Amino acid sequence: MVKWSKSVFKNFSYVTGAVIVGFCFSVQSSNASDFFSNIQLADVSSDMKQSASGNKGFYVGVNHVGYSDFGNTSLKYRSAEEVPWKLDADVAVSAQVGIDFGLVRLDLKGVATDGGIDKIDGNDVGNNRSNVGVVTANAYWDIMRTEINKDIYVVPYVGVGGGIIGFRTKGVSTVDPTSGGGNSGGGDGHNGVGYAATGHLGFNVEIMDHFSVVAAYQHVRGVGGHDTTNINLGEVGLRLTF
């Protein structure tokens, strides 16, 4: 499975606050006015525009998911007993389409993963495959816009959303959880659809009008007939605004 360092994303939830607070406290009083003159808070006006931003309007984004972590999901394995299945992803991508008002963004986002099964009840798995898909409707708040270089701006954001999650799995455990012995029979597989709730945290770097680079973390909590599962995703991507 392709992964970035887990430490990068383990503390990702602190990054937005750290950037805001760190910038504020690192600026000496002598140049504080210059610093804050470059910070453009998202104005709450009749059209909800963010000051001087060229990146407003309809947008599309494509992202490479470089880090993925799937929590254990309780599924049956050749019996009525449920055991933990640990999925993984070899390839994962996401795409989104929405509209940016400046202060608030709304979009539809889809995430798709293709991979395998890392463990079933703690045992290695052969002949395995897994696919997960998540589609959510999302709302974001672009917190503030800071110029870090000439005509280059950073916009941290947070967001929430909801939608659906679907999956399918198949694999053969090297140890049969029903007997504790070697697996002399076939494996097992599942598929299902459930509800998904999601949270977003990230940075949008405006490198020119209508074009941005995005670094983001997304947490997905899926609830369905099989079990509740938690997925953590870290991604980088490009956004084009029309």
Protein backbone atom coordinates (compact mmCIF):
# COMPACT_ATOMS: atom_id res chain seq x y z
CA MET A 1 0.00 0.00 0.00
CA VAL A 2 1.28 3.42 -0.93
CA LYS A 3 1.59 5.52 2.23
CA TRP A 4 3.04 8.80 3.30
CA SER A 5 4.59 8.94 6.74
CA LYS A 6 1.82 8.45 9.29
CA SER A 7 3.36 11.09 11.53
CA VAL A 8 2.58 13.71 8.88
CA PHE A 9 -1.12 13.13 9.16
CA LYS A 10 -1.40 11.94 12.73
CA ASN A 11 -1.23 15.54 13.90
CA PHE A 12 -2.83 17.05 10.81
CA SER A 13 -5.79 18.26 12.84
CA TYR A 14 -3.48 20.71 14.65
CA VAL A 15 -2.01 22.25 11.52
CA THR A 16 -4.64 24.88 10.75
CA GLY A 17 -4.66 26.23 14.29
CA ALA A 18 -0.87 26.09 14.51
CA VAL A 19 -0.45 28.11 11.32
CA ILE A 20 -2.87 30.80 12.42
CA VAL A 21 -1.56 31.08 15.98
CA GLY A 22 2.08 30.63 14.95
CA PHE A 23 1.95 33.41 12.41
CA CYS A 24 0.30 35.77 14.88
CA PHE A 25 2.79 35.19 17.68
CA SER A 26 5.85 35.14 15.42
CA VAL A 27 5.20 38.63 14.13
CA GLN A 28 6.94 41.34 16.15
CA SER A 29 4.96 44.42 17.09
CA SER A 30 7.05 46.60 14.76
CA ASN A 31 5.84 44.81 11.65
CA ALA A 32 2.53 43.45 12.89
CA SER A 33 0.55 45.98 10.91
CA ASP A 34 2.31 44.95 7.70
CA PHE A 35 1.61 41.29 8.38
CA PHE A 36 -2.06 41.74 9.15
CA SER A 37 -2.50 43.96 6.11
CA ASN A 38 -1.72 40.85 4.04
CA ILE A 39 -4.35 38.73 5.81
CA GLN A 40 -7.72 38.95 4.11
CA LEU A 41 -10.53 37.51 6.19
CA ALA A 42 -13.41 36.10 4.24
CA ASP A 43 -15.90 38.97 4.23
CA VAL A 44 -19.50 38.23 5.10
CA SER A 45 -21.19 40.39 2.49
CA SER A 46 -24.25 40.09 0.32
CA ASP A 47 -22.44 37.84 -2.15
CA MET A 48 -20.20 36.18 0.48
CA LYS A 49 -17.05 37.15 -1.41
CA GLN A 50 -13.56 36.63 -0.08
CA SER A 51 -11.54 39.84 -0.44
CA ALA A 52 -9.61 40.14 -3.71
CA SER A 53 -9.72 36.42 -4.41
CA GLY A 54 -9.67 35.41 -8.07
CA ASN A 55 -10.62 31.84 -7.24
CA LYS A 56 -14.40 32.11 -6.94
CA GLY A 57 -16.98 30.34 -9.05
CA PHE A 58 -17.50 26.79 -10.24
CA TYR A 59 -14.54 24.47 -9.72
CA VAL A 60 -13.31 20.95 -10.33
CA GLY A 61 -10.59 19.17 -8.42
CA VAL A 62 -8.61 15.95 -8.79
CA ASN A 63 -6.51 14.47 -5.98
CA HIS A 64 -4.04 11.69 -5.37
CA VAL A 65 -4.64 9.93 -2.05
CA GLY A 66 -1.14 9.18 -0.84
CA TYR A 67 -2.07 8.04 2.67
CA SER A 68 -4.93 5.75 3.63
CA ASP A 69 -5.72 3.98 6.87
CA PHE A 70 -8.76 1.72 7.25
CA GLY A 71 -10.01 0.81 10.69
CA ASN A 72 -11.03 -2.77 11.43
CA THR A 73 -14.46 -3.73 10.12
CA SER A 74 -16.32 -6.65 11.70
CA LEU A 75 -17.43 -9.08 8.99
CA LYS A 76 -18.30 -12.76 8.95
CA TYR A 77 -15.79 -15.29 7.71
CA ARG A 78 -17.40 -18.58 6.60
CA SER A 79 -19.58 -18.69 9.71
CA ALA A 80 -22.02 -16.70 11.82
CA GLU A 81 -19.06 -15.30 13.78
CA GLU A 82 -17.89 -11.80 12.96
CA VAL A 83 -14.13 -11.18 12.97
CA PRO A 84 -12.10 -8.02 12.22
CA TRP A 85 -11.15 -7.42 8.58
CA LYS A 86 -8.38 -4.89 7.93
CA LEU A 87 -8.52 -3.46 4.41
CA ASP A 88 -5.79 -1.55 2.61
CA ALA A 89 -5.45 0.47 -0.59
CA ASP A 90 -2.85 0.18 -3.34
CA VAL A 91 -4.36 2.98 -5.42
CA ALA A 92 -6.73 5.71 -4.25
CA VAL A 93 -7.98 8.87 -5.96
CA SER A 94 -10.66 11.47 -5.42
CA ALA A 95 -12.44 14.09 -7.51
CA GLN A 96 -14.86 16.88 -6.76
CA VAL A 97 -17.05 19.47 -8.46
CA GLY A 98 -18.59 22.45 -6.74
CA ILE A 99 -18.95 26.18 -6.37
CA ASP A 100 -16.76 28.60 -4.38
CA PHE A 101 -18.47 31.69 -2.94
CA GLY A 102 -15.26 32.92 -1.30
CA LEU A 103 -16.29 32.45 2.30
CA VAL A 104 -18.16 29.18 1.79
CA ARG A 105 -17.71 26.36 -0.72
CA LEU A 106 -20.14 23.58 -1.62
CA ASP A 107 -19.24 20.47 -3.60
CA LEU A 108 -19.82 16.83 -4.40
CA LYS A 109 -16.79 14.64 -3.81
CA GLY A 110 -16.07 11.04 -4.71
CA VAL A 111 -13.29 8.83 -3.35
CA ALA A 112 -12.36 5.45 -4.86
CA THR A 113 -9.81 2.92 -3.60
CA ASP A 114 -8.51 -0.32 -5.05
CA GLY A 115 -6.44 -2.66 -2.92
CA GLY A 116 -6.54 -5.76 -0.85
CA ILE A 117 -7.04 -7.13 2.64
CA ASP A 118 -4.19 -6.77 5.09
CA LYS A 119 -5.50 -9.07 7.83
CA ILE A 120 -8.53 -11.17 8.72
CA ASP A 121 -8.76 -11.76 12.45
CA GLY A 122 -5.06 -10.89 12.67
CA ASN A 123 -4.04 -13.50 10.08
CA ASP A 124 -2.39 -13.01 6.70
CA VAL A 125 -4.66 -13.15 3.67
CA GLY A 126 -4.08 -14.59 0.22
CA ASN A 127 -6.00 -14.15 -3.05
CA ASN A 128 -7.47 -10.92 -1.73
CA ARG A 129 -9.08 -7.81 -3.20
CA SER A 130 -11.02 -4.85 -1.85
CA ASN A 131 -12.68 -1.78 -3.29
CA VAL A 132 -14.21 1.14 -1.41
CA GLY A 133 -16.16 4.08 -2.81
CA VAL A 134 -17.42 7.16 -0.96
CA VAL A 135 -19.62 9.95 -2.37
CA THR A 136 -20.51 12.91 -0.18
CA ALA A 137 -22.07 16.37 -0.42
CA ASN A 138 -19.85 18.82 1.47
CA ALA A 139 -19.77 22.36 2.86
CA TYR A 140 -16.49 24.15 3.66
CA TRP A 141 -15.47 27.32 5.45
CA ASP A 142 -12.37 29.03 4.05
CA ILE A 143 -10.98 30.52 7.27
CA MET A 144 -8.72 33.28 6.02
CA ARG A 145 -6.53 34.19 3.07
CA THR A 146 -2.86 35.01 3.65
CA GLU A 147 -0.38 36.23 1.05
CA ILE A 148 2.90 34.33 1.57
CA ASN A 149 4.62 35.63 -1.54
CA LYS A 150 3.74 37.92 -4.39
CA ASP A 151 0.36 36.78 -5.73
CA ILE A 152 0.58 33.46 -3.84
CA TYR A 153 -2.04 32.94 -1.13
CA VAL A 154 -2.72 30.21 1.43
CA VAL A 155 -6.28 29.51 2.56
CA PRO A 156 -6.78 26.99 5.41
CA TYR A 157 -10.23 25.42 5.51
CA VAL A 158 -12.47 23.03 7.42
CA GLY A 159 -15.54 21.19 6.19
CA VAL A 160 -18.20 18.58 6.87
CA GLY A 161 -20.33 16.39 4.67
CA GLY A 162 -22.54 13.35 4.33
CA GLY A 163 -23.44 10.75 1.73
CA ILE A 164 -22.97 7.07 0.97
CA ILE A 165 -20.20 4.48 1.19
CA GLY A 166 -19.95 1.19 -0.65
CA PHE A 167 -17.45 -1.66 -0.54
CA ARG A 168 -16.67 -5.15 -1.71
CA THR A 169 -14.08 -7.58 -0.36
CA LYS A 170 -12.83 -11.10 -0.92
CA GLY A 171 -9.95 -13.05 0.54
CA VAL A 172 -8.65 -16.34 1.87
CA SER A 173 -7.26 -16.26 5.40
CA THR A 174 -4.18 -18.40 6.02
CA VAL A 175 -5.83 -19.50 9.27
CA ASP A 176 -9.50 -20.41 9.44
CA PRO A 177 -10.94 -18.27 12.28
CA THR A 178 -13.76 -20.77 12.77
CA SER A 179 -11.40 -23.62 13.70
CA GLY A 180 -8.03 -22.03 14.41
CA GLY A 181 -6.39 -24.46 12.01
CA GLY A 182 -5.09 -24.15 8.48
CA ASN A 183 -7.53 -22.98 5.87
CA SER A 184 -8.43 -26.05 3.85
CA GLY A 185 -11.50 -24.51 2.22
CA GLY A 186 -12.33 -21.47 0.18
CA GLY A 187 -12.31 -17.93 1.44
CA ASP A 188 -15.11 -15.45 1.89
CA GLY A 189 -16.25 -12.12 0.54
CA HIS A 190 -18.71 -9.34 1.23
CA ASN A 191 -20.23 -6.25 -0.34
CA GLY A 192 -22.48 -3.57 1.05
CA VAL A 193 -23.68 0.02 1.03
CA GLY A 194 -24.14 2.37 3.97
CA TYR A 195 -24.26 5.95 5.13
CA ALA A 196 -21.13 8.09 5.34
CA ALA A 197 -20.29 11.14 7.45
CA THR A 198 -17.08 13.00 6.72
CA GLY A 199 -14.87 15.80 8.00
CA HIS A 200 -12.28 17.80 6.06
CA LEU A 201 -9.21 19.83 7.03
CA GLY A 202 -6.70 21.29 4.63
CA PHE A 203 -4.91 24.10 2.82
CA ASN A 204 -5.67 25.61 -0.55
CA VAL A 205 -2.63 27.34 -2.09
CA GLU A 206 -3.65 29.86 -4.78
CA ILE A 207 -0.67 30.02 -7.12
CA MET A 208 -2.52 32.01 -9.78
CA ASP A 209 -6.03 33.15 -10.56
CA HIS A 210 -8.33 30.17 -11.06
CA PHE A 211 -5.64 27.58 -10.23
CA SER A 212 -4.74 26.09 -6.83
CA VAL A 213 -2.78 23.29 -5.20
CA VAL A 214 -4.53 21.51 -2.32
CA ALA A 215 -3.18 19.47 0.62
CA ALA A 216 -5.92 17.88 2.71
CA TYR A 217 -6.96 15.35 5.31
CA GLN A 218 -10.35 13.62 5.23
CA HIS A 219 -11.96 11.38 7.82
CA VAL A 220 -14.85 9.14 6.79
CA ARG A 221 -17.13 7.31 9.19
CA GLY A 222 -19.25 4.68 7.48
CA VAL A 223 -22.33 3.14 9.08
CA GLY A 224 -24.21 0.26 7.48
CA GLY A 225 -25.72 -3.16 7.89
CA HIS A 226 -22.32 -4.82 8.28
CA ASP A 227 -20.57 -2.58 10.81
CA THR A 228 -19.24 0.89 11.54
CA THR A 229 -15.88 1.69 9.96
CA ASN A 230 -13.45 4.61 10.08
CA ILE A 231 -11.21 5.67 7.19
CA ASN A 232 -8.45 8.31 7.26
CA LEU A 233 -7.19 9.79 4.01
CA GLY A 234 -4.41 12.24 3.18
CA GLU A 235 -4.29 13.73 -0.30
CA VAL A 236 -2.72 16.34 -2.56
CA GLY A 237 -4.35 17.66 -5.69
CA LEU A 238 -5.15 20.42 -8.13
CA ARG A 239 -8.20 22.67 -8.32
CA LEU A 240 -9.34 24.64 -11.37
CA THR A 241 -11.91 27.42 -10.90
CA PHE A 242 -13.93 28.80 -13.79
